[in-house]
Amino acid sequence: MRPGPPNHVEVCQSIAETRKKLKAAKRPLGLVPTMGFLHAGHLALVKRARQENETAVVSIFVNPTQFGPNEDFGDYPRDMSRDLRLLEKQGIDFVFAPDVGDMYPADFGTVVQVERVTEQLEGASRPGHFRGVATVVTKLFNIVQPDRAYFGQKDAQQLRVIRKMVDDLNMPVDIRAVPIVREKDGLALSSRNVRLSADERQAALVLARSLDAARQLYDAGERNAQRVRDAMRSTLADVPSELARPDYVSVADADTLRELERIDRPALVSLAVRVGPVRLIDNICLG
């Protein structure tokens, strides 16, 4: 597919107008769902979508239903003008940027709930989060009608949930995963990183160090999952609790996301840590 030269990206807020315009779009059509404030991790998704499809679409929508009552919906960074400049350089054809009121009118009363794979990790820490994710992604798929959709491996559980939803509901969308993009020092890119102070930014490196400790143990032959978790927690403890407060540390079956006793199958090693005002997640896959 064409890489796409820089162009003036078309932006639409209207659901009806978006459907009308994309109905005539060249196929295949690739969608990158985002909440905006784009970074290199998002752009890796965008580049894949641009390379692999005749039409490349990015949605920008900070979805309120995936935020809990005490989470950072109001503080989530937003900069539409900056995002559009970045997307124009990537040759994106179309941006769908709906209003909250259009996506969730006052009488809205339907949700999409994926069972089992949402019950642990992020699902346990953020009740209702994946219901909001599954609902908004279903709406985006219905509106945009993509052939392919692109998601980052950093949100590994989200990726698993969306794949399960697509399979269960027979959605004709090919879900494509893109590897985590990191800073040179190992920190996984996140739109929330801009909210970290200098000290907090340094403390945030403990997530990558914890995952490195897990990988080193595994590479040395360790298969006891609890010992791997203990090594990760020991690494996290090197940072004062006032800077980094762990939420969970997990070594789980990569498919079911249930905790493992032994790493005798593909495993998702993941953690969530609150660093200053920001809750960060990261993961690696073993086996």
C-alpha atoms as a PDB file:
ATOM      1  CA  MET A   1       0.000   0.000   0.000  1.00  0.00           C
ATOM      2  CA  ARG A   2       1.090   3.582  -0.528  1.00  0.00           C
ATOM      3  CA  PRO A   3       3.142   5.259   2.247  1.00  0.00           C
ATOM      4  CA  GLY A   4       1.268   8.490   1.621  1.00  0.00           C
ATOM      5  CA  PRO A   5       2.933  11.896   1.199  1.00  0.00           C
ATOM      6  CA  PRO A   6       2.122  14.701   3.635  1.00  0.00           C
ATOM      7  CA  ASN A   7      -1.340  16.053   2.899  1.00  0.00           C
ATOM      8  CA  HIS A   8      -4.086  18.098   4.459  1.00  0.00           C
ATOM      9  CA  VAL A   9      -5.942  15.618   6.628  1.00  0.00           C
ATOM     10  CA  GLU A  10      -9.734  15.749   6.524  1.00  0.00           C
ATOM     11  CA  VAL A  11     -11.352  16.062   9.950  1.00  0.00           C
ATOM     12  CA  CYS A  12     -14.957  15.264  10.740  1.00  0.00           C
ATOM     13  CA  GLN A  13     -16.931  15.318  13.999  1.00  0.00           C
ATOM     14  CA  SER A  14     -20.273  14.182  12.641  1.00  0.00           C
ATOM     15  CA  ILE A  15     -21.049  10.463  12.822  1.00  0.00           C
ATOM     16  CA  ALA A  16     -23.415  10.615   9.845  1.00  0.00           C
ATOM     17  CA  GLU A  17     -20.965  12.581   7.693  1.00  0.00           C
ATOM     18  CA  THR A  18     -18.105  10.246   8.623  1.00  0.00           C
ATOM     19  CA  ARG A  19     -20.151   7.221   7.556  1.00  0.00           C
ATOM     20  CA  LYS A  20     -21.083   8.904   4.277  1.00  0.00           C
ATOM     21  CA  LYS A  21     -17.534   9.865   3.387  1.00  0.00           C
ATOM     22  CA  LEU A  22     -15.907   6.577   4.383  1.00  0.00           C
ATOM     23  CA  LYS A  23     -18.507   4.482   2.577  1.00  0.00           C
ATOM     24  CA  ALA A  24     -16.871   5.561  -0.682  1.00  0.00           C
ATOM     25  CA  ALA A  25     -13.292   5.214   0.612  1.00  0.00           C
ATOM     26  CA  LYS A  26     -10.804   2.935  -1.125  1.00  0.00           C
ATOM     27  CA  ARG A  27     -10.327  -0.457   0.508  1.00  0.00           C
ATOM     28  CA  PRO A  28      -8.782  -1.876   2.568  1.00  0.00           C
ATOM     29  CA  LEU A  29      -9.382   0.715   5.279  1.00  0.00           C
ATOM     30  CA  GLY A  30      -7.276   0.783   8.452  1.00  0.00           C
ATOM     31  CA  LEU A  31      -8.356   2.446  11.707  1.00  0.00           C
ATOM     32  CA  VAL A  32      -6.146   3.608  14.568  1.00  0.00           C
ATOM     33  CA  PRO A  33      -8.323   4.408  17.619  1.00  0.00           C
ATOM     34  CA  THR A  34      -6.638   6.967  19.913  1.00  0.00           C
ATOM     35  CA  MET A  35      -7.438   9.389  22.698  1.00  0.00           C
ATOM     36  CA  GLY A  36      -5.148  11.978  21.138  1.00  0.00           C
ATOM     37  CA  PHE A  37      -2.049  13.763  22.449  1.00  0.00           C
ATOM     38  CA  LEU A  38      -0.113  11.561  20.068  1.00  0.00           C
ATOM     39  CA  HIS A  39       3.430  10.322  20.675  1.00  0.00           C
ATOM     40  CA  ALA A  40       5.841   8.017  18.831  1.00  0.00           C
ATOM     41  CA  GLY A  41       3.949   4.964  20.075  1.00  0.00           C
ATOM     42  CA  HIS A  42       0.757   6.171  18.403  1.00  0.00           C
ATOM     43  CA  LEU A  43       2.697   7.098  15.286  1.00  0.00           C
ATOM     44  CA  ALA A  44       4.053   3.546  15.034  1.00  0.00           C
ATOM     45  CA  LEU A  45       0.413   2.415  14.783  1.00  0.00           C
ATOM     46  CA  VAL A  46      -0.336   5.167  12.289  1.00  0.00           C
ATOM     47  CA  LYS A  47       2.630   4.208  10.085  1.00  0.00           C
ATOM     48  CA  ARG A  48       1.524   0.571   9.995  1.00  0.00           C
ATOM     49  CA  ALA A  49      -2.013   1.587   9.088  1.00  0.00           C
ATOM     50  CA  ARG A  50      -0.730   3.909   6.356  1.00  0.00           C
ATOM     51  CA  GLN A  51       1.587   1.242   4.922  1.00  0.00           C
ATOM     52  CA  GLU A  52      -0.951  -1.587   4.910  1.00  0.00           C
ATOM     53  CA  ASN A  53      -4.129   0.119   3.701  1.00  0.00           C
ATOM     54  CA  GLU A  54      -5.433   2.209   0.826  1.00  0.00           C
ATOM     55  CA  THR A  55      -7.281   4.442   3.297  1.00  0.00           C
ATOM     56  CA  ALA A  56      -5.943   5.258   6.773  1.00  0.00           C
ATOM     57  CA  VAL A  57      -8.217   6.706   9.459  1.00  0.00           C
ATOM     58  CA  VAL A  58      -7.373   7.889  12.980  1.00  0.00           C
ATOM     59  CA  SER A  59     -10.027   8.497  15.608  1.00  0.00           C
ATOM     60  CA  ILE A  60      -9.339  11.007  18.371  1.00  0.00           C
ATOM     61  CA  PHE A  61     -11.749  10.744  21.279  1.00  0.00           C
ATOM     62  CA  VAL A  62     -11.053  10.916  25.011  1.00  0.00           C
ATOM     63  CA  ASN A  63     -13.623   8.343  26.041  1.00  0.00           C
ATOM     64  CA  PRO A  64     -15.227   9.241  29.389  1.00  0.00           C
ATOM     65  CA  THR A  65     -16.769   5.816  29.980  1.00  0.00           C
ATOM     66  CA  GLN A  66     -13.383   4.111  30.442  1.00  0.00           C
ATOM     67  CA  PHE A  67     -12.366   6.472  33.262  1.00  0.00           C
ATOM     68  CA  GLY A  68     -13.406   5.818  36.860  1.00  0.00           C
ATOM     69  CA  PRO A  69     -14.868   8.586  39.072  1.00  0.00           C
ATOM     70  CA  ASN A  70     -11.490   9.282  40.708  1.00  0.00           C
ATOM     71  CA  GLU A  71      -9.352   8.949  37.574  1.00  0.00           C
ATOM     72  CA  ASP A  72      -7.781  11.571  35.331  1.00  0.00           C
ATOM     73  CA  PHE A  73     -10.388  12.188  32.624  1.00  0.00           C
ATOM     74  CA  GLY A  74     -10.319  15.932  33.236  1.00  0.00           C
ATOM     75  CA  ASP A  75      -6.521  16.061  33.355  1.00  0.00           C
ATOM     76  CA  TYR A  76      -5.873  13.799  30.376  1.00  0.00           C
ATOM     77  CA  PRO A  77      -3.693  15.834  27.963  1.00  0.00           C
ATOM     78  CA  ARG A  78      -5.346  17.172  24.833  1.00  0.00           C
ATOM     79  CA  ASP A  79      -3.914  19.093  21.855  1.00  0.00           C
ATOM     80  CA  MET A  80      -5.891  18.607  18.650  1.00  0.00           C
ATOM     81  CA  SER A  81      -3.902  21.100  16.575  1.00  0.00           C
ATOM     82  CA  ARG A  82      -0.632  19.357  17.408  1.00  0.00           C
ATOM     83  CA  ASP A  83      -2.165  15.938  16.691  1.00  0.00           C
ATOM     84  CA  LEU A  84      -3.394  17.036  13.271  1.00  0.00           C
ATOM     85  CA  ARG A  85       0.034  18.395  12.312  1.00  0.00           C
ATOM     86  CA  LEU A  86       1.599  15.038  13.196  1.00  0.00           C
ATOM     87  CA  LEU A  87      -1.040  13.102  11.255  1.00  0.00           C
ATOM     88  CA  GLU A  88      -0.681  15.300   8.179  1.00  0.00           C
ATOM     89  CA  LYS A  89       3.035  14.414   8.080  1.00  0.00           C
ATOM     90  CA  GLN A  90       2.078  10.724   8.102  1.00  0.00           C
ATOM     91  CA  GLY A  91      -0.264  11.115   5.143  1.00  0.00           C
ATOM     92  CA  ILE A  92      -3.392  10.129   7.070  1.00  0.00           C
ATOM     93  CA  ASP A  93      -6.552  10.466   4.979  1.00  0.00           C
ATOM     94  CA  PHE A  94      -9.206  11.104   7.610  1.00  0.00           C
ATOM     95  CA  VAL A  95      -9.596  11.949  11.291  1.00  0.00           C
ATOM     96  CA  PHE A  96     -12.801  11.183  13.141  1.00  0.00           C
ATOM     97  CA  ALA A  97     -13.038  13.413  16.215  1.00  0.00           C
ATOM     98  CA  PRO A  98     -16.571  13.184  17.623  1.00  0.00           C
ATOM     99  CA  ASP A  99     -18.076  15.122  20.500  1.00  0.00           C
ATOM    100  CA  VAL A 100     -18.935  13.299  23.716  1.00  0.00           C
ATOM    101  CA  GLY A 101     -22.586  14.270  23.323  1.00  0.00           C
ATOM    102  CA  ASP A 102     -22.776  12.617  19.910  1.00  0.00           C
ATOM    103  CA  MET A 103     -21.113   9.394  21.046  1.00  0.00           C
ATOM    104  CA  TYR A 104     -23.110   9.242  24.297  1.00  0.00           C
ATOM    105  CA  PRO A 105     -26.418  11.096  24.005  1.00  0.00           C
ATOM    106  CA  ALA A 106     -28.415  11.746  27.162  1.00  0.00           C
ATOM    107  CA  ASP A 107     -30.533   8.624  26.751  1.00  0.00           C
ATOM    108  CA  PHE A 108     -27.606   6.299  25.999  1.00  0.00           C
ATOM    109  CA  GLY A 109     -28.175   2.939  27.691  1.00  0.00           C
ATOM    110  CA  THR A 110     -26.223   0.187  25.898  1.00  0.00           C
ATOM    111  CA  VAL A 111     -22.848  -1.278  26.887  1.00  0.00           C
ATOM    112  CA  VAL A 112     -20.580  -4.064  25.653  1.00  0.00           C
ATOM    113  CA  GLN A 113     -19.222  -6.314  28.409  1.00  0.00           C
ATOM    114  CA  VAL A 114     -16.480  -8.871  27.735  1.00  0.00           C
ATOM    115  CA  GLU A 115     -16.324 -11.525  30.445  1.00  0.00           C
ATOM    116  CA  ARG A 116     -13.429 -13.383  32.125  1.00  0.00           C
ATOM    117  CA  VAL A 117     -10.387 -11.705  30.493  1.00  0.00           C
ATOM    118  CA  THR A 118     -11.545  -8.400  32.035  1.00  0.00           C
ATOM    119  CA  GLU A 119     -11.737  -9.652  35.614  1.00  0.00           C
ATOM    120  CA  GLN A 120      -8.080  -9.297  36.640  1.00  0.00           C
ATOM    121  CA  LEU A 121      -5.160  -6.872  36.298  1.00  0.00           C
ATOM    122  CA  GLU A 122      -6.530  -3.564  34.931  1.00  0.00           C
ATOM    123  CA  GLY A 123     -10.066  -4.880  35.207  1.00  0.00           C
ATOM    124  CA  ALA A 124      -9.680  -5.551  38.934  1.00  0.00           C
ATOM    125  CA  SER A 125      -7.983  -2.206  39.594  1.00  0.00           C
ATOM    126  CA  ARG A 126     -10.297  -0.145  37.385  1.00  0.00           C
ATOM    127  CA  PRO A 127     -13.868  -1.492  37.630  1.00  0.00           C
ATOM    128  CA  GLY A 128     -15.876  -0.670  34.530  1.00  0.00           C
ATOM    129  CA  HIS A 129     -12.806   0.338  32.513  1.00  0.00           C
ATOM    130  CA  PHE A 130     -13.024  -2.433  29.933  1.00  0.00           C
ATOM    131  CA  ARG A 131     -16.781  -2.065  29.622  1.00  0.00           C
ATOM    132  CA  GLY A 132     -16.087   1.503  28.503  1.00  0.00           C
ATOM    133  CA  VAL A 133     -13.296   0.378  26.174  1.00  0.00           C
ATOM    134  CA  ALA A 134     -15.353  -2.397  24.568  1.00  0.00           C
ATOM    135  CA  THR A 135     -18.344  -0.103  24.129  1.00  0.00           C
ATOM    136  CA  VAL A 136     -16.452   2.746  22.487  1.00  0.00           C
ATOM    137  CA  VAL A 137     -14.415   0.443  20.225  1.00  0.00           C
ATOM    138  CA  THR A 138     -17.619  -1.276  19.104  1.00  0.00           C
ATOM    139  CA  LYS A 139     -19.092   2.128  18.290  1.00  0.00           C
ATOM    140  CA  LEU A 140     -15.967   3.166  16.378  1.00  0.00           C
ATOM    141  CA  PHE A 141     -16.000  -0.077  14.390  1.00  0.00           C
ATOM    142  CA  ASN A 142     -19.683   0.422  13.565  1.00  0.00           C
ATOM    143  CA  ILE A 143     -19.123   4.015  12.461  1.00  0.00           C
ATOM    144  CA  VAL A 144     -15.855   3.664  10.534  1.00  0.00           C
ATOM    145  CA  GLN A 145     -16.340   0.072   9.262  1.00  0.00           C
ATOM    146  CA  PRO A 146     -12.592  -0.684   9.095  1.00  0.00           C
ATOM    147  CA  ASP A 147     -11.065  -3.785   7.555  1.00  0.00           C
ATOM    148  CA  ARG A 148      -8.162  -3.595  10.011  1.00  0.00           C
ATOM    149  CA  ALA A 149      -7.646  -1.883  13.371  1.00  0.00           C
ATOM    150  CA  TYR A 150      -4.334  -1.193  15.093  1.00  0.00           C
ATOM    151  CA  PHE A 151      -3.588  -1.351  18.827  1.00  0.00           C
ATOM    152  CA  GLY A 152      -0.403  -1.158  20.880  1.00  0.00           C
ATOM    153  CA  GLN A 153       1.039  -4.038  22.883  1.00  0.00           C
ATOM    154  CA  LYS A 154       1.589  -1.666  25.826  1.00  0.00           C
ATOM    155  CA  ASP A 155      -2.114  -2.024  26.618  1.00  0.00           C
ATOM    156  CA  ALA A 156      -1.780  -5.805  26.459  1.00  0.00           C
ATOM    157  CA  GLN A 157      -4.967  -6.651  28.328  1.00  0.00           C
ATOM    158  CA  GLN A 158      -6.946  -4.182  26.234  1.00  0.00           C
ATOM    159  CA  LEU A 159      -5.602  -5.893  23.117  1.00  0.00           C
ATOM    160  CA  ARG A 160      -6.702  -9.286  24.458  1.00  0.00           C
ATOM    161  CA  VAL A 161     -10.153  -7.924  25.351  1.00  0.00           C
ATOM    162  CA  ILE A 162     -10.702  -6.401  21.921  1.00  0.00           C
ATOM    163  CA  ARG A 163      -9.617  -9.571  20.140  1.00  0.00           C
ATOM    164  CA  LYS A 164     -12.017 -11.584  22.295  1.00  0.00           C
ATOM    165  CA  MET A 165     -14.838  -9.160  21.572  1.00  0.00           C
ATOM    166  CA  VAL A 166     -14.204  -9.250  17.820  1.00  0.00           C
ATOM    167  CA  ASP A 167     -14.104 -13.057  17.826  1.00  0.00           C
ATOM    168  CA  ASP A 168     -17.191 -13.483  19.986  1.00  0.00           C
ATOM    169  CA  LEU A 169     -19.312 -10.978  18.082  1.00  0.00           C
ATOM    170  CA  ASN A 170     -18.078 -12.033  14.612  1.00  0.00           C
ATOM    171  CA  MET A 171     -16.892  -8.545  13.750  1.00  0.00           C
ATOM    172  CA  PRO A 172     -15.219  -8.455  10.310  1.00  0.00           C
ATOM    173  CA  VAL A 173     -12.164  -6.561  11.582  1.00  0.00           C
ATOM    174  CA  ASP A 174      -8.574  -7.810  11.566  1.00  0.00           C
ATOM    175  CA  ILE A 175      -6.952  -6.704  14.851  1.00  0.00           C
ATOM    176  CA  ARG A 176      -3.249  -5.951  14.414  1.00  0.00           C
ATOM    177  CA  ALA A 177      -0.840  -5.459  17.315  1.00  0.00           C
ATOM    178  CA  VAL A 178       2.177  -3.146  17.224  1.00  0.00           C
ATOM    179  CA  PRO A 179       5.127  -3.544  19.655  1.00  0.00           C
ATOM    180  CA  ILE A 180       5.729  -1.152  22.550  1.00  0.00           C
ATOM    181  CA  VAL A 181       7.743   1.956  21.701  1.00  0.00           C
ATOM    182  CA  ARG A 182      10.161   3.052  24.423  1.00  0.00           C
ATOM    183  CA  GLU A 183      12.368   5.997  25.254  1.00  0.00           C
ATOM    184  CA  LYS A 184      16.123   5.361  25.031  1.00  0.00           C
ATOM    185  CA  ASP A 185      16.193   4.750  28.797  1.00  0.00           C
ATOM    186  CA  GLY A 186      13.439   2.111  28.560  1.00  0.00           C
ATOM    187  CA  LEU A 187      10.351   4.030  29.679  1.00  0.00           C
ATOM    188  CA  ALA A 188       7.299   2.964  27.662  1.00  0.00           C
ATOM    189  CA  LEU A 189       5.777   5.915  25.847  1.00  0.00           C
ATOM    190  CA  SER A 190       2.482   7.191  27.244  1.00  0.00           C
ATOM    191  CA  SER A 191       0.513  10.393  26.785  1.00  0.00           C
ATOM    192  CA  ARG A 192       0.481  10.640  30.579  1.00  0.00           C
ATOM    193  CA  ASN A 193       4.294  10.854  30.806  1.00  0.00           C
ATOM    194  CA  VAL A 194       4.114  14.625  30.241  1.00  0.00           C
ATOM    195  CA  ARG A 195       2.521  14.972  33.681  1.00  0.00           C
ATOM    196  CA  LEU A 196       5.600  13.593  35.456  1.00  0.00           C
ATOM    197  CA  SER A 197       8.060  15.901  37.219  1.00  0.00           C
ATOM    198  CA  ALA A 198      11.799  15.354  36.650  1.00  0.00           C
ATOM    199  CA  ASP A 199      12.075  13.235  39.824  1.00  0.00           C
ATOM    200  CA  GLU A 200       8.940  11.277  38.948  1.00  0.00           C
ATOM    201  CA  ARG A 201      10.187  10.706  35.405  1.00  0.00           C
ATOM    202  CA  GLN A 202      13.361   9.170  36.846  1.00  0.00           C
ATOM    203  CA  ALA A 203      11.371   7.067  39.311  1.00  0.00           C
ATOM    204  CA  ALA A 204       9.181   5.776  36.460  1.00  0.00           C
ATOM    205  CA  LEU A 205      12.163   3.876  35.060  1.00  0.00           C
ATOM    206  CA  VAL A 206      11.613   1.317  37.810  1.00  0.00           C
ATOM    207  CA  LEU A 207       8.847  -0.248  35.707  1.00  0.00           C
ATOM    208  CA  ALA A 208      11.255  -1.185  32.931  1.00  0.00           C
ATOM    209  CA  ARG A 209      13.883  -2.304  35.451  1.00  0.00           C
ATOM    210  CA  SER A 210      11.341  -4.614  37.096  1.00  0.00           C
ATOM    211  CA  LEU A 211      10.484  -6.187  33.757  1.00  0.00           C
ATOM    212  CA  ASP A 212      14.188  -6.551  32.979  1.00  0.00           C
ATOM    213  CA  ALA A 213      14.637  -8.413  36.282  1.00  0.00           C
ATOM    214  CA  ALA A 214      11.841 -10.785  35.273  1.00  0.00           C
ATOM    215  CA  ARG A 215      13.348 -11.412  31.842  1.00  0.00           C
ATOM    216  CA  GLN A 216      16.807 -12.045  33.268  1.00  0.00           C
ATOM    217  CA  LEU A 217      15.453 -14.633  35.690  1.00  0.00           C
ATOM    218  CA  TYR A 218      13.502 -16.337  32.919  1.00  0.00           C
ATOM    219  CA  ASP A 219      16.501 -16.345  30.580  1.00  0.00           C
ATOM    220  CA  ALA A 220      18.565 -17.901  33.374  1.00  0.00           C
ATOM    221  CA  GLY A 221      16.081 -20.778  33.546  1.00  0.00           C
ATOM    222  CA  GLU A 222      13.718 -19.694  36.339  1.00  0.00           C
ATOM    223  CA  ARG A 223      10.176 -20.975  35.769  1.00  0.00           C
ATOM    224  CA  ASN A 224       8.671 -20.432  39.221  1.00  0.00           C
ATOM    225  CA  ALA A 225       6.267 -17.547  38.629  1.00  0.00           C
ATOM    226  CA  GLN A 226       6.203 -16.457  42.263  1.00  0.00           C
ATOM    227  CA  ARG A 227       9.976 -16.018  42.316  1.00  0.00           C
ATOM    228  CA  VAL A 228       9.701 -13.835  39.246  1.00  0.00           C
ATOM    229  CA  ARG A 229       6.993 -11.720  40.901  1.00  0.00           C
ATOM    230  CA  ASP A 230       9.121 -11.443  44.040  1.00  0.00           C
ATOM    231  CA  ALA A 231      12.105 -10.236  42.008  1.00  0.00           C
ATOM    232  CA  MET A 232       9.944  -7.585  40.365  1.00  0.00           C
ATOM    233  CA  ARG A 233       8.574  -6.399  43.719  1.00  0.00           C
ATOM    234  CA  SER A 234      12.111  -6.275  45.127  1.00  0.00           C
ATOM    235  CA  THR A 235      13.157  -4.038  42.255  1.00  0.00           C
ATOM    236  CA  LEU A 236      10.131  -1.784  42.766  1.00  0.00           C
ATOM    237  CA  ALA A 237      11.038  -1.447  46.435  1.00  0.00           C
ATOM    238  CA  ASP A 238      14.279   0.303  45.428  1.00  0.00           C
ATOM    239  CA  VAL A 239      12.236   3.437  44.750  1.00  0.00           C
ATOM    240  CA  PRO A 240      10.718   5.281  47.751  1.00  0.00           C
ATOM    241  CA  SER A 241       6.986   4.697  48.093  1.00  0.00           C
ATOM    242  CA  GLU A 242       6.289   8.439  47.981  1.00  0.00           C
ATOM    243  CA  LEU A 243       7.543   8.385  44.367  1.00  0.00           C
ATOM    244  CA  ALA A 244       6.341   5.000  43.127  1.00  0.00           C
ATOM    245  CA  ARG A 245       3.480   2.971  44.590  1.00  0.00           C
ATOM    246  CA  PRO A 246       2.867  -0.422  42.953  1.00  0.00           C
ATOM    247  CA  ASP A 247      -0.703  -1.409  42.172  1.00  0.00           C
ATOM    248  CA  TYR A 248      -0.115  -4.947  40.896  1.00  0.00           C
ATOM    249  CA  VAL A 249       2.658  -7.237  39.674  1.00  0.00           C
ATOM    250  CA  SER A 250       1.583 -10.139  37.477  1.00  0.00           C
ATOM    251  CA  VAL A 251       2.934 -13.209  35.716  1.00  0.00           C
ATOM    252  CA  ALA A 252      -0.094 -14.559  33.888  1.00  0.00           C
ATOM    253  CA  ASP A 253      -1.141 -16.921  31.126  1.00  0.00           C
ATOM    254  CA  ALA A 254      -0.908 -14.815  27.952  1.00  0.00           C
ATOM    255  CA  ASP A 255      -4.310 -16.067  26.770  1.00  0.00           C
ATOM    256  CA  THR A 256      -6.503 -16.269  29.870  1.00  0.00           C
ATOM    257  CA  LEU A 257      -4.578 -13.667  31.927  1.00  0.00           C
ATOM    258  CA  ARG A 258      -4.882 -15.928  34.971  1.00  0.00           C
ATOM    259  CA  GLU A 259      -1.866 -15.946  37.303  1.00  0.00           C
ATOM    260  CA  LEU A 260       0.618 -18.759  36.732  1.00  0.00           C
ATOM    261  CA  GLU A 261       2.388 -20.944  39.257  1.00  0.00           C
ATOM    262  CA  ARG A 262       4.921 -22.068  36.649  1.00  0.00           C
ATOM    263  CA  ILE A 263       5.912 -20.342  33.424  1.00  0.00           C
ATOM    264  CA  ASP A 264       5.327 -23.389  31.258  1.00  0.00           C
ATOM    265  CA  ARG A 265       3.462 -21.584  28.457  1.00  0.00           C
ATOM    266  CA  PRO A 266       3.475 -18.092  26.904  1.00  0.00           C
ATOM    267  CA  ALA A 267       3.237 -15.596  29.750  1.00  0.00           C
ATOM    268  CA  LEU A 268       2.334 -11.919  30.031  1.00  0.00           C
ATOM    269  CA  VAL A 269       4.487 -10.239  32.678  1.00  0.00           C
ATOM    270  CA  SER A 270       2.901  -6.926  33.588  1.00  0.00           C
ATOM    271  CA  LEU A 271       2.660  -4.301  36.294  1.00  0.00           C
ATOM    272  CA  ALA A 272       0.918  -1.063  37.183  1.00  0.00           C
ATOM    273  CA  VAL A 273       2.610   1.587  39.309  1.00  0.00           C
ATOM    274  CA  ARG A 274       1.388   4.995  40.434  1.00  0.00           C
ATOM    275  CA  VAL A 275       4.213   7.481  39.976  1.00  0.00           C
ATOM    276  CA  GLY A 276       3.318  10.866  41.432  1.00  0.00           C
ATOM    277  CA  PRO A 277      -0.088  11.810  39.940  1.00  0.00           C
ATOM    278  CA  VAL A 278       0.146   9.283  37.102  1.00  0.00           C
ATOM    279  CA  ARG A 279      -0.671   5.596  36.945  1.00  0.00           C
ATOM    280  CA  LEU A 280       1.667   3.818  34.500  1.00  0.00           C
ATOM    281  CA  ILE A 281       1.508   0.307  33.055  1.00  0.00           C
ATOM    282  CA  ASP A 282       4.071  -1.800  31.198  1.00  0.00           C
ATOM    283  CA  ASN A 283       4.592  -5.409  30.164  1.00  0.00           C
ATOM    284  CA  ILE A 284       6.727  -7.960  28.382  1.00  0.00           C
ATOM    285  CA  CYS A 285       5.936 -11.395  26.977  1.00  0.00           C
ATOM    286  CA  LEU A 286       7.905 -14.503  27.933  1.00  0.00           C
ATOM    287  CA  GLY A 287       7.966 -17.850  26.205  1.00  0.00           C
END
